[in-house]
């Protein structure tokens, strides 16, 4: 159902059972999947793809040209996955020449006033609480949670299942499975509550804790700590994931305790 008071381009592709409320605007070149709801006054700009079963609340603004002064009109898009909820006044800017896209995955929750800048890639099952903001070129991996008022510096990465406490300022990347807080942001432990809720065994959580104890608690340099983990701990998928993440962060990761 499309309200007579909505402004929907005839060149937009609208799926089945989509509801677009009064005063919403959908531009040409937009694709909206089945069973998605677009609330009043939401604006969906060109070159935006919205998945199925999404809910986009009033005032949300998805896919406008980015605020990057280097943008020269190159083709780029904005993609929102399936079953994602975008609350009031969220802003998501389209990509630029870096990645050519800004992407939000499936089953995400973006609470009111979240901002996602150009060329950010957000994984699946990510939660960003109100007023969290991402600069450009940021990656947030699956199941990460950013609490309210979190800000992230461009080109940083937040690893899978990580938890960033409210008002945290992300200036260095956050490895997977950990909790970070304080100012400057630092490791405060493994995200045991989140991991338990997602079905991680006690043994697997213990393995993660042992790895991070070596990396962040035992006063080793990061380089030495990773060498110790690699040499002394059994090779597993999780161990390799943590090592590869940290070694791949050219600008470093958050500090230990």
Protein backbone atom coordinates (compact mmCIF):
# COMPACT_ATOMS: atom_id res chain seq x y z
CA UNK A 1 0.00 0.00 0.00
CA UNK A 2 1.39 3.37 -1.07
CA UNK A 3 -0.22 6.45 0.42
CA UNK A 4 -1.62 8.99 -2.03
CA UNK A 5 0.40 11.55 -0.09
CA UNK A 6 3.72 9.73 -0.61
CA UNK A 7 6.08 10.86 -3.37
CA UNK A 8 7.24 7.68 -5.11
CA UNK A 9 9.03 7.76 -8.45
CA UNK A 10 7.51 5.53 -11.14
CA UNK A 11 11.10 4.48 -11.86
CA UNK A 12 11.51 2.95 -8.39
CA UNK A 13 11.15 -0.83 -8.04
CA UNK A 14 8.71 -1.60 -5.25
CA UNK A 15 8.27 -5.19 -4.01
CA UNK A 16 5.12 -6.97 -2.89
CA UNK A 17 3.23 -5.90 0.22
CA UNK A 18 5.38 -2.79 0.69
CA UNK A 19 3.77 0.00 2.71
CA UNK A 20 4.88 3.58 2.13
CA UNK A 21 3.32 6.15 4.44
CA UNK A 22 2.26 9.73 3.80
CA UNK A 23 4.97 12.27 2.96
CA UNK A 24 7.67 9.65 2.47
CA UNK A 25 9.81 10.21 -0.65
CA UNK A 26 11.26 7.43 -2.80
CA UNK A 27 13.44 8.55 -5.71
CA UNK A 28 14.09 6.87 -9.05
CA UNK A 29 16.66 4.11 -9.05
CA UNK A 30 15.52 2.83 -5.65
CA UNK A 31 14.69 -0.85 -5.04
CA UNK A 32 12.57 -1.87 -2.05
CA UNK A 33 12.07 -5.54 -1.12
CA UNK A 34 8.87 -7.31 -0.15
CA UNK A 35 7.05 -6.57 3.10
CA UNK A 36 9.10 -3.48 3.93
CA UNK A 37 7.53 -0.51 5.70
CA UNK A 38 8.61 3.06 4.94
CA UNK A 39 7.39 5.48 7.59
CA UNK A 40 6.17 9.07 7.19
CA UNK A 41 8.74 11.64 6.06
CA UNK A 42 11.43 9.04 5.41
CA UNK A 43 13.52 9.82 2.31
CA UNK A 44 15.13 7.13 0.15
CA UNK A 45 17.56 8.65 -2.37
CA UNK A 46 18.59 7.29 -5.80
CA UNK A 47 20.83 4.23 -6.11
CA UNK A 48 19.57 2.72 -2.86
CA UNK A 49 18.61 -0.92 -2.39
CA UNK A 50 16.44 -1.86 0.60
CA UNK A 51 15.95 -5.54 1.45
CA UNK A 52 12.77 -7.35 2.41
CA UNK A 53 10.97 -7.11 5.76
CA UNK A 54 12.70 -3.90 6.79
CA UNK A 55 11.19 -1.13 8.91
CA UNK A 56 12.29 2.43 8.20
CA UNK A 57 10.92 4.92 10.69
CA UNK A 58 9.89 8.58 10.23
CA UNK A 59 12.58 11.04 9.26
CA UNK A 60 15.20 8.47 8.23
CA UNK A 61 17.38 9.61 5.32
CA UNK A 62 19.00 6.83 3.31
CA UNK A 63 21.37 7.19 0.37
CA UNK A 64 22.03 10.92 -0.05
CA UNK A 65 25.32 12.05 -1.56
CA UNK A 66 28.04 11.91 1.06
CA UNK A 67 29.62 14.86 2.83
CA UNK A 68 33.06 13.82 1.55
CA UNK A 69 34.51 16.85 -0.25
CA UNK A 70 36.46 14.51 -2.54
CA UNK A 71 33.28 13.06 -4.01
CA UNK A 72 33.00 13.92 -7.70
CA UNK A 73 29.74 12.25 -8.62
CA UNK A 74 31.16 8.80 -9.39
CA UNK A 75 28.57 6.00 -9.50
CA UNK A 76 27.98 4.54 -6.05
CA UNK A 77 25.13 3.12 -4.04
CA UNK A 78 23.66 2.39 -0.63
CA UNK A 79 22.51 -1.09 0.37
CA UNK A 80 20.40 -2.15 3.36
CA UNK A 81 19.95 -5.87 4.00
CA UNK A 82 16.90 -7.87 5.00
CA UNK A 83 14.94 -7.59 8.24
CA UNK A 84 16.81 -4.49 9.35
CA UNK A 85 15.20 -1.79 11.50
CA UNK A 86 16.19 1.84 10.94
CA UNK A 87 14.74 4.15 13.54
CA UNK A 88 13.89 7.85 13.54
CA UNK A 89 16.26 10.30 11.83
CA UNK A 90 18.98 7.81 11.03
CA UNK A 91 21.23 9.02 8.19
CA UNK A 92 23.12 6.67 5.85
CA UNK A 93 25.21 8.27 3.10
CA UNK A 94 26.03 6.60 -0.22
CA UNK A 95 29.51 5.40 -1.12
CA UNK A 96 32.34 7.11 -2.98
CA UNK A 97 35.29 5.98 -5.10
CA UNK A 98 36.82 4.11 -2.14
CA UNK A 99 34.33 1.24 -1.89
CA UNK A 100 31.60 2.49 -4.23
CA UNK A 101 29.01 1.48 -1.65
CA UNK A 102 27.79 1.98 1.87
CA UNK A 103 26.26 -1.23 3.18
CA UNK A 104 24.20 -2.28 6.19
CA UNK A 105 23.68 -6.02 6.61
CA UNK A 106 20.76 -8.23 7.63
CA UNK A 107 18.96 -8.18 10.98
CA UNK A 108 20.54 -4.93 12.15
CA UNK A 109 19.04 -2.37 14.52
CA UNK A 110 20.03 1.27 14.05
CA UNK A 111 18.44 3.31 16.81
CA UNK A 112 17.34 6.93 16.53
CA UNK A 113 19.82 9.52 15.22
CA UNK A 114 22.53 7.03 14.24
CA UNK A 115 24.80 8.35 11.47
CA UNK A 116 26.64 6.09 9.00
CA UNK A 117 28.95 7.97 6.65
CA UNK A 118 30.13 7.03 3.16
CA UNK A 119 31.88 3.74 2.42
CA UNK A 120 31.05 2.12 5.74
CA UNK A 121 30.37 -1.61 5.72
CA UNK A 122 28.12 -2.87 8.52
CA UNK A 123 27.81 -6.63 8.99
CA UNK A 124 24.81 -8.71 10.02
CA UNK A 125 23.07 -8.58 13.41
CA UNK A 126 24.78 -5.32 14.38
CA UNK A 127 23.19 -2.99 16.95
CA UNK A 128 24.01 0.72 17.08
CA UNK A 129 22.31 2.66 19.86
CA UNK A 130 21.07 6.23 19.62
CA UNK A 131 23.48 8.97 18.52
CA UNK A 132 26.26 6.56 17.61
CA UNK A 133 28.15 7.94 14.61
CA UNK A 134 30.58 6.49 12.09
CA UNK A 135 33.00 8.50 9.98
CA UNK A 136 33.75 7.25 6.48
CA UNK A 137 35.45 3.98 5.47
CA UNK A 138 34.64 2.08 8.68
CA UNK A 139 33.89 -1.64 8.98
CA UNK A 140 31.66 -3.05 11.72
CA UNK A 141 31.68 -6.84 11.73
CA UNK A 142 28.82 -9.23 12.56
CA UNK A 143 27.12 -9.08 15.96
CA UNK A 144 29.04 -6.04 17.16
CA UNK A 145 27.22 -3.67 19.51
CA UNK A 146 27.91 0.06 19.80
CA UNK A 147 26.16 1.77 22.69
CA UNK A 148 24.80 5.32 22.64
CA UNK A 149 26.97 8.30 21.68
CA UNK A 150 29.83 6.15 20.42
CA UNK A 151 31.93 7.89 17.79
CA UNK A 152 34.32 6.16 15.39
CA UNK A 153 37.30 7.59 13.51
CA UNK A 154 37.56 6.83 9.79
CA UNK A 155 39.24 3.62 8.55
CA UNK A 156 38.83 1.82 11.88
CA UNK A 157 37.25 -1.63 12.28
CA UNK A 158 35.15 -3.10 15.07
CA UNK A 159 35.50 -6.87 15.18
CA UNK A 160 32.77 -9.48 15.33
CA UNK A 161 30.92 -9.84 18.67
CA UNK A 162 32.73 -6.83 20.14
CA UNK A 163 30.97 -4.46 22.56
CA UNK A 164 31.75 -0.75 22.74
CA UNK A 165 30.51 1.01 25.87
CA UNK A 166 28.47 4.20 25.72
CA UNK A 167 30.22 7.43 24.68
CA UNK A 168 33.34 5.53 23.68
CA UNK A 169 35.55 7.19 21.07
CA UNK A 170 36.95 4.63 18.64
CA UNK A 171 40.33 5.92 17.45
CA UNK A 172 41.93 2.48 17.06
CA UNK A 173 40.36 -0.74 15.82
CA UNK A 174 38.55 -3.02 18.27
CA UNK A 175 39.43 -6.74 17.98
CA UNK A 176 36.65 -9.36 17.94
CA UNK A 177 34.97 -10.80 21.03
CA UNK A 178 36.02 -8.11 23.50
CA UNK A 179 34.46 -5.30 25.51
CA UNK A 180 36.01 -1.84 25.44
CA UNK A 181 35.31 1.24 27.54
CA UNK A 182 36.88 4.29 29.25
CA UNK A 183 38.77 7.20 27.70
CA UNK A 184 40.96 6.54 25.90
CA UNK A 185 39.16 3.39 24.85
CA UNK A 186 40.74 0.21 26.21
CA UNK A 187 40.16 -3.51 26.69
CA UNK A 188 38.09 -4.31 29.78
CA UNK A 189 37.41 -8.00 29.17
CA UNK A 190 35.89 -10.55 26.85
CA UNK A 191 32.24 -10.11 25.86
CA UNK A 192 31.21 -13.21 27.78
CA UNK A 193 27.56 -12.23 28.15
CA UNK A 194 27.10 -11.65 24.42
CA UNK A 195 29.01 -14.79 23.49
CA UNK A 196 26.98 -16.92 25.91
CA UNK A 197 23.73 -15.56 24.49
CA UNK A 198 24.89 -16.51 21.00
CA UNK A 199 25.67 -20.09 21.92
CA UNK A 200 29.43 -20.06 22.45
CA UNK A 201 30.50 -22.90 24.75
CA UNK A 202 32.27 -22.29 28.06
CA UNK A 203 35.36 -23.92 26.57
CA UNK A 204 35.39 -21.60 23.58
CA UNK A 205 34.91 -18.52 25.76
CA UNK A 206 37.76 -19.73 27.98
CA UNK A 207 39.98 -20.07 24.91
CA UNK A 208 39.18 -16.49 23.90
CA UNK A 209 39.90 -15.24 27.43
CA UNK A 210 43.26 -17.03 27.46
CA UNK A 211 44.25 -15.48 24.15
CA UNK A 212 43.35 -11.96 25.23
CA UNK A 213 44.98 -12.38 28.61
CA UNK A 214 48.25 -12.89 26.77
CA UNK A 215 47.61 -10.00 24.40
CA UNK A 216 46.24 -7.36 26.76
CA UNK A 217 46.98 -8.29 30.39
CA UNK A 218 50.48 -9.76 30.57
CA UNK A 219 52.31 -6.56 29.60
CA UNK A 220 53.64 -7.93 26.35
CA UNK A 221 54.00 -5.81 23.27
CA UNK A 222 51.33 -6.65 20.72
CA UNK A 223 53.91 -8.18 18.39
CA UNK A 224 55.40 -10.37 21.12
CA UNK A 225 51.95 -11.34 22.44
CA UNK A 226 50.79 -12.51 19.03
CA UNK A 227 53.97 -14.55 18.61
CA UNK A 228 53.33 -16.21 21.99
CA UNK A 229 49.71 -16.96 21.12
CA UNK A 230 50.73 -18.42 17.79
CA UNK A 231 53.51 -20.54 19.28
CA UNK A 232 51.88 -21.76 22.48
CA UNK A 233 48.15 -22.00 21.90
CA UNK A 234 46.42 -24.63 19.75
CA UNK A 235 45.55 -23.53 16.24
CA UNK A 236 41.80 -22.95 15.98
CA UNK A 237 39.54 -20.83 13.83
CA UNK A 238 39.04 -18.33 16.64
CA UNK A 239 42.76 -18.07 17.42
CA UNK A 240 43.57 -17.44 13.76
CA UNK A 241 40.73 -14.93 13.46
CA UNK A 242 42.06 -12.87 16.37
CA UNK A 243 45.68 -13.00 15.19
CA UNK A 244 44.80 -12.10 11.61
CA UNK A 245 42.54 -9.24 12.71
CA UNK A 246 45.16 -7.59 14.90
CA UNK A 247 48.01 -8.06 12.44
CA UNK A 248 45.82 -6.61 9.68
CA UNK A 249 45.19 -3.36 11.58
CA UNK A 250 47.90 -1.09 10.18
CA UNK A 251 46.99 1.76 12.52
CA UNK A 252 46.89 -0.44 15.60
CA UNK A 253 44.24 -1.62 18.04
CA UNK A 254 42.91 -0.40 21.39
CA UNK A 255 45.17 -0.66 24.42
CA UNK A 256 45.11 -3.28 27.15
CA UNK A 257 44.42 -2.80 30.83
